[in-house]
Amino acid sequence: MSHPDGPGAGIISSRQAAAAQKAGEQVEDYAKDLPELAAALATFRRAVNRS
């Protein structure tokens, strides 16, 4: 499974998720203005919910 916008966006979204964790913020809130992170959360949440 990979980021829907490609590997570059996947790297960016991983860094954004790490920044959210470091800032002590909920990743969903942090993603509101970050399209790479928002796309990753939406994609991977759907994949997990299919199981």
PDB file of N, CA and C in Angstrom:
ATOM      1  N   MET A   1       0.848  -1.167   0.000  1.00  0.00           N
ATOM      2  CA  MET A   1       0.000   0.000   0.000  1.00  0.00           C
ATOM      3  C   MET A   1       0.893   1.229   0.000  1.00  0.00           C
ATOM      4  N   SER A   2       0.494   2.213  -0.784  1.00  0.00           N
ATOM      5  CA  SER A   2       1.290   3.432  -0.869  1.00  0.00           C
ATOM      6  C   SER A   2       0.371   4.656  -0.874  1.00  0.00           C
ATOM      7  N   HIS A   3       0.988   5.806  -0.706  1.00  0.00           N
ATOM      8  CA  HIS A   3       0.240   7.065  -0.687  1.00  0.00           C
ATOM      9  C   HIS A   3      -0.436   7.249  -2.041  1.00  0.00           C
ATOM     10  N   PRO A   4      -1.678   7.733  -2.051  1.00  0.00           N
ATOM     11  CA  PRO A   4      -2.399   7.882  -3.323  1.00  0.00           C
ATOM     12  C   PRO A   4      -1.777   8.901  -4.275  1.00  0.00           C
ATOM     13  N   ASP A   5      -0.960   9.803  -3.760  1.00  0.00           N
ATOM     14  CA  ASP A   5      -0.338  10.820  -4.608  1.00  0.00           C
ATOM     15  C   ASP A   5       1.127  10.533  -4.884  1.00  0.00           C
ATOM     16  N   GLY A   6       1.555   9.313  -4.580  1.00  0.00           N
ATOM     17  CA  GLY A   6       2.913   8.910  -4.904  1.00  0.00           C
ATOM     18  C   GLY A   6       3.873   8.926  -3.729  1.00  0.00           C
ATOM     19  N   PRO A   7       5.079   8.421  -3.965  1.00  0.00           N
ATOM     20  CA  PRO A   7       6.048   8.281  -2.886  1.00  0.00           C
ATOM     21  C   PRO A   7       6.502   9.604  -2.277  1.00  0.00           C
ATOM     22  N   GLY A   8       6.597  10.650  -3.084  1.00  0.00           N
ATOM     23  CA  GLY A   8       6.999  11.948  -2.542  1.00  0.00           C
ATOM     24  C   GLY A   8       5.998  12.456  -1.516  1.00  0.00           C
ATOM     25  N   ALA A   9       4.726  12.345  -1.851  1.00  0.00           N
ATOM     26  CA  ALA A   9       3.675  12.762  -0.918  1.00  0.00           C
ATOM     27  C   ALA A   9       3.658  11.861   0.311  1.00  0.00           C
ATOM     28  N   GLY A  10       4.009  10.597   0.122  1.00  0.00           N
ATOM     29  CA  GLY A  10       4.087   9.685   1.261  1.00  0.00           C
ATOM     30  C   GLY A  10       5.154  10.098   2.255  1.00  0.00           C
ATOM     31  N   ILE A  11       6.296  10.514   1.746  1.00  0.00           N
ATOM     32  CA  ILE A  11       7.371  10.983   2.621  1.00  0.00           C
ATOM     33  C   ILE A  11       6.941  12.255   3.345  1.00  0.00           C
ATOM     34  N   ILE A  12       6.335  13.167   2.612  1.00  0.00           N
ATOM     35  CA  ILE A  12       5.868  14.415   3.223  1.00  0.00           C
ATOM     36  C   ILE A  12       4.846  14.114   4.312  1.00  0.00           C
ATOM     37  N   SER A  13       3.894  13.229   4.031  1.00  0.00           N
ATOM     38  CA  SER A  13       2.852  12.929   5.023  1.00  0.00           C
ATOM     39  C   SER A  13       3.427  12.248   6.262  1.00  0.00           C
ATOM     40  N   SER A  14       4.447  11.438   6.082  1.00  0.00           N
ATOM     41  CA  SER A  14       5.098  10.813   7.239  1.00  0.00           C
ATOM     42  C   SER A  14       5.763  11.867   8.117  1.00  0.00           C
ATOM     43  N   ARG A  15       6.413  12.813   7.491  1.00  0.00           N
ATOM     44  CA  ARG A  15       7.047  13.906   8.247  1.00  0.00           C
ATOM     45  C   ARG A  15       6.002  14.771   8.940  1.00  0.00           C
ATOM     46  N   GLN A  16       4.889  14.998   8.265  1.00  0.00           N
ATOM     47  CA  GLN A  16       3.816  15.790   8.866  1.00  0.00           C
ATOM     48  C   GLN A  16       3.215  15.065  10.071  1.00  0.00           C
ATOM     49  N   ALA A  17       3.045  13.766   9.960  1.00  0.00           N
ATOM     50  CA  ALA A  17       2.517  12.982  11.088  1.00  0.00           C
ATOM     51  C   ALA A  17       3.489  13.022  12.268  1.00  0.00           C
ATOM     52  N   ALA A  18       4.781  12.947  11.983  1.00  0.00           N
ATOM     53  CA  ALA A  18       5.780  13.029  13.044  1.00  0.00           C
ATOM     54  C   ALA A  18       5.756  14.407  13.702  1.00  0.00           C
ATOM     55  N   ALA A  19       5.565  15.444  12.902  1.00  0.00           N
ATOM     56  CA  ALA A  19       5.497  16.797  13.452  1.00  0.00           C
ATOM     57  C   ALA A  19       4.272  16.964  14.351  1.00  0.00           C
ATOM     58  N   ALA A  20       3.163  16.370  13.960  1.00  0.00           N
ATOM     59  CA  ALA A  20       1.959  16.418  14.797  1.00  0.00           C
ATOM     60  C   ALA A  20       2.215  15.747  16.141  1.00  0.00           C
ATOM     61  N   GLN A  21       2.859  14.601  16.105  1.00  0.00           N
ATOM     62  CA  GLN A  21       3.185  13.872  17.328  1.00  0.00           C
ATOM     63  C   GLN A  21       4.111  14.712  18.208  1.00  0.00           C
ATOM     64  N   LYS A  22       5.122  15.289  17.610  1.00  0.00           N
ATOM     65  CA  LYS A  22       6.094  16.102  18.351  1.00  0.00           C
ATOM     66  C   LYS A  22       5.426  17.323  18.982  1.00  0.00           C
ATOM     67  N   ALA A  23       4.449  17.897  18.271  1.00  0.00           N
ATOM     68  CA  ALA A  23       3.728  19.066  18.772  1.00  0.00           C
ATOM     69  C   ALA A  23       2.651  18.694  19.785  1.00  0.00           C
ATOM     70  N   GLY A  24       2.404  17.396  19.951  1.00  0.00           N
ATOM     71  CA  GLY A  24       1.386  16.948  20.894  1.00  0.00           C
ATOM     72  C   GLY A  24      -0.034  17.162  20.402  1.00  0.00           C
ATOM     73  N   GLU A  25      -0.207  17.234  19.097  1.00  0.00           N
ATOM     74  CA  GLU A  25      -1.527  17.462  18.503  1.00  0.00           C
ATOM     75  C   GLU A  25      -2.099  16.173  17.925  1.00  0.00           C
ATOM     76  N   GLN A  26      -3.409  16.123  17.845  1.00  0.00           N
ATOM     77  CA  GLN A  26      -4.073  15.004  17.190  1.00  0.00           C
ATOM     78  C   GLN A  26      -3.774  15.097  15.696  1.00  0.00           C
ATOM     79  N   VAL A  27      -3.401  13.973  15.110  1.00  0.00           N
ATOM     80  CA  VAL A  27      -3.005  13.976  13.703  1.00  0.00           C
ATOM     81  C   VAL A  27      -4.153  14.427  12.798  1.00  0.00           C
ATOM     82  N   GLU A  28      -5.381  14.111  13.150  1.00  0.00           N
ATOM     83  CA  GLU A  28      -6.533  14.516  12.337  1.00  0.00           C
ATOM     84  C   GLU A  28      -6.681  16.036  12.322  1.00  0.00           C
ATOM     85  N   ASP A  29      -6.464  16.668  13.465  1.00  0.00           N
ATOM     86  CA  ASP A  29      -6.536  18.129  13.528  1.00  0.00           C
ATOM     87  C   ASP A  29      -5.379  18.764  12.772  1.00  0.00           C
ATOM     88  N   TYR A  30      -4.219  18.202  12.925  1.00  0.00           N
ATOM     89  CA  TYR A  30      -3.018  18.712  12.285  1.00  0.00           C
ATOM     90  C   TYR A  30      -3.134  18.641  10.761  1.00  0.00           C
ATOM     91  N   ALA A  31      -3.858  17.649  10.267  1.00  0.00           N
ATOM     92  CA  ALA A  31      -3.977  17.405   8.824  1.00  0.00           C
ATOM     93  C   ALA A  31      -4.927  18.360   8.112  1.00  0.00           C
ATOM     94  N   LYS A  32      -5.656  19.171   8.849  1.00  0.00           N
ATOM     95  CA  LYS A  32      -6.679  20.021   8.219  1.00  0.00           C
ATOM     96  C   LYS A  32      -6.130  20.924   7.121  1.00  0.00           C
ATOM     97  N   ASP A  33      -4.920  21.416   7.275  1.00  0.00           N
ATOM     98  CA  ASP A  33      -4.329  22.301   6.267  1.00  0.00           C
ATOM     99  C   ASP A  33      -3.176  21.645   5.524  1.00  0.00           C
ATOM    100  N   LEU A  34      -3.078  20.333   5.618  1.00  0.00           N
ATOM    101  CA  LEU A  34      -1.978  19.597   4.993  1.00  0.00           C
ATOM    102  C   LEU A  34      -2.542  18.513   4.076  1.00  0.00           C
ATOM    103  N   PRO A  35      -2.632  18.780   2.783  1.00  0.00           N
ATOM    104  CA  PRO A  35      -3.293  17.838   1.877  1.00  0.00           C
ATOM    105  C   PRO A  35      -2.620  16.466   1.803  1.00  0.00           C
ATOM    106  N   GLU A  36      -1.302  16.404   1.955  1.00  0.00           N
ATOM    107  CA  GLU A  36      -0.618  15.111   1.883  1.00  0.00           C
ATOM    108  C   GLU A  36      -1.023  14.226   3.066  1.00  0.00           C
ATOM    109  N   LEU A  37      -1.019  14.812   4.248  1.00  0.00           N
ATOM    110  CA  LEU A  37      -1.386  14.050   5.441  1.00  0.00           C
ATOM    111  C   LEU A  37      -2.869  13.687   5.421  1.00  0.00           C
ATOM    112  N   ALA A  38      -3.697  14.613   5.004  1.00  0.00           N
ATOM    113  CA  ALA A  38      -5.141  14.339   4.935  1.00  0.00           C
ATOM    114  C   ALA A  38      -5.433  13.193   3.960  1.00  0.00           C
ATOM    115  N   ALA A  39      -4.765  13.176   2.818  1.00  0.00           N
ATOM    116  CA  ALA A  39      -4.980  12.102   1.841  1.00  0.00           C
ATOM    117  C   ALA A  39      -4.520  10.760   2.392  1.00  0.00           C
ATOM    118  N   ALA A  40      -3.387  10.759   3.092  1.00  0.00           N
ATOM    119  CA  ALA A  40      -2.893   9.508   3.677  1.00  0.00           C
ATOM    120  C   ALA A  40      -3.868   8.978   4.719  1.00  0.00           C
ATOM    121  N   LEU A  41      -4.350   9.851   5.579  1.00  0.00           N
ATOM    122  CA  LEU A  41      -5.290   9.408   6.611  1.00  0.00           C
ATOM    123  C   LEU A  41      -6.557   8.837   5.988  1.00  0.00           C
ATOM    124  N   ALA A  42      -7.092   9.505   4.988  1.00  0.00           N
ATOM    125  CA  ALA A  42      -8.316   9.024   4.341  1.00  0.00           C
ATOM    126  C   ALA A  42      -8.086   7.678   3.660  1.00  0.00           C
ATOM    127  N   THR A  43      -6.984   7.529   2.969  1.00  0.00           N
ATOM    128  CA  THR A  43      -6.691   6.294   2.247  1.00  0.00           C
ATOM    129  C   THR A  43      -6.471   5.120   3.193  1.00  0.00           C
ATOM    130  N   PHE A  44      -5.619   5.317   4.168  1.00  0.00           N
ATOM    131  CA  PHE A  44      -5.271   4.203   5.046  1.00  0.00           C
ATOM    132  C   PHE A  44      -6.399   3.866   6.004  1.00  0.00           C
ATOM    133  N   ARG A  45      -7.215   4.832   6.366  1.00  0.00           N
ATOM    134  CA  ARG A  45      -8.369   4.551   7.219  1.00  0.00           C
ATOM    135  C   ARG A  45      -9.351   3.648   6.481  1.00  0.00           C
ATOM    136  N   ARG A  46      -9.559   3.923   5.185  1.00  0.00           N
ATOM    137  CA  ARG A  46     -10.460   3.067   4.383  1.00  0.00           C
ATOM    138  C   ARG A  46      -9.894   1.650   4.288  1.00  0.00           C
ATOM    139  N   ALA A  47      -8.602   1.538   4.111  1.00  0.00           N
ATOM    140  CA  ALA A  47      -7.975   0.219   3.987  1.00  0.00           C
ATOM    141  C   ALA A  47      -8.110  -0.588   5.270  1.00  0.00           C
ATOM    142  N   VAL A  48      -7.948   0.071   6.393  1.00  0.00           N
ATOM    143  CA  VAL A  48      -8.056  -0.616   7.689  1.00  0.00           C
ATOM    144  C   VAL A  48      -9.486  -1.017   7.957  1.00  0.00           C
ATOM    145  N   ASN A  49     -10.441  -0.152   7.601  1.00  0.00           N
ATOM    146  CA  ASN A  49     -11.847  -0.430   7.865  1.00  0.00           C
ATOM    147  C   ASN A  49     -12.415  -1.534   6.984  1.00  0.00           C
ATOM    148  N   ARG A  50     -11.739  -1.889   5.893  1.00  0.00           N
ATOM    149  CA  ARG A  50     -12.205  -2.973   5.030  1.00  0.00           C
ATOM    150  C   ARG A  50     -11.938  -4.338   5.626  1.00  0.00           C
ATOM    151  N   SER A  51     -11.019  -4.422   6.551  1.00  0.00           N
ATOM    152  CA  SER A  51     -10.626  -5.718   7.124  1.00  0.00           C
ATOM    153  C   SER A  51     -11.720  -6.308   7.964  1.00  0.00           C
TER     154      SER A  51
END
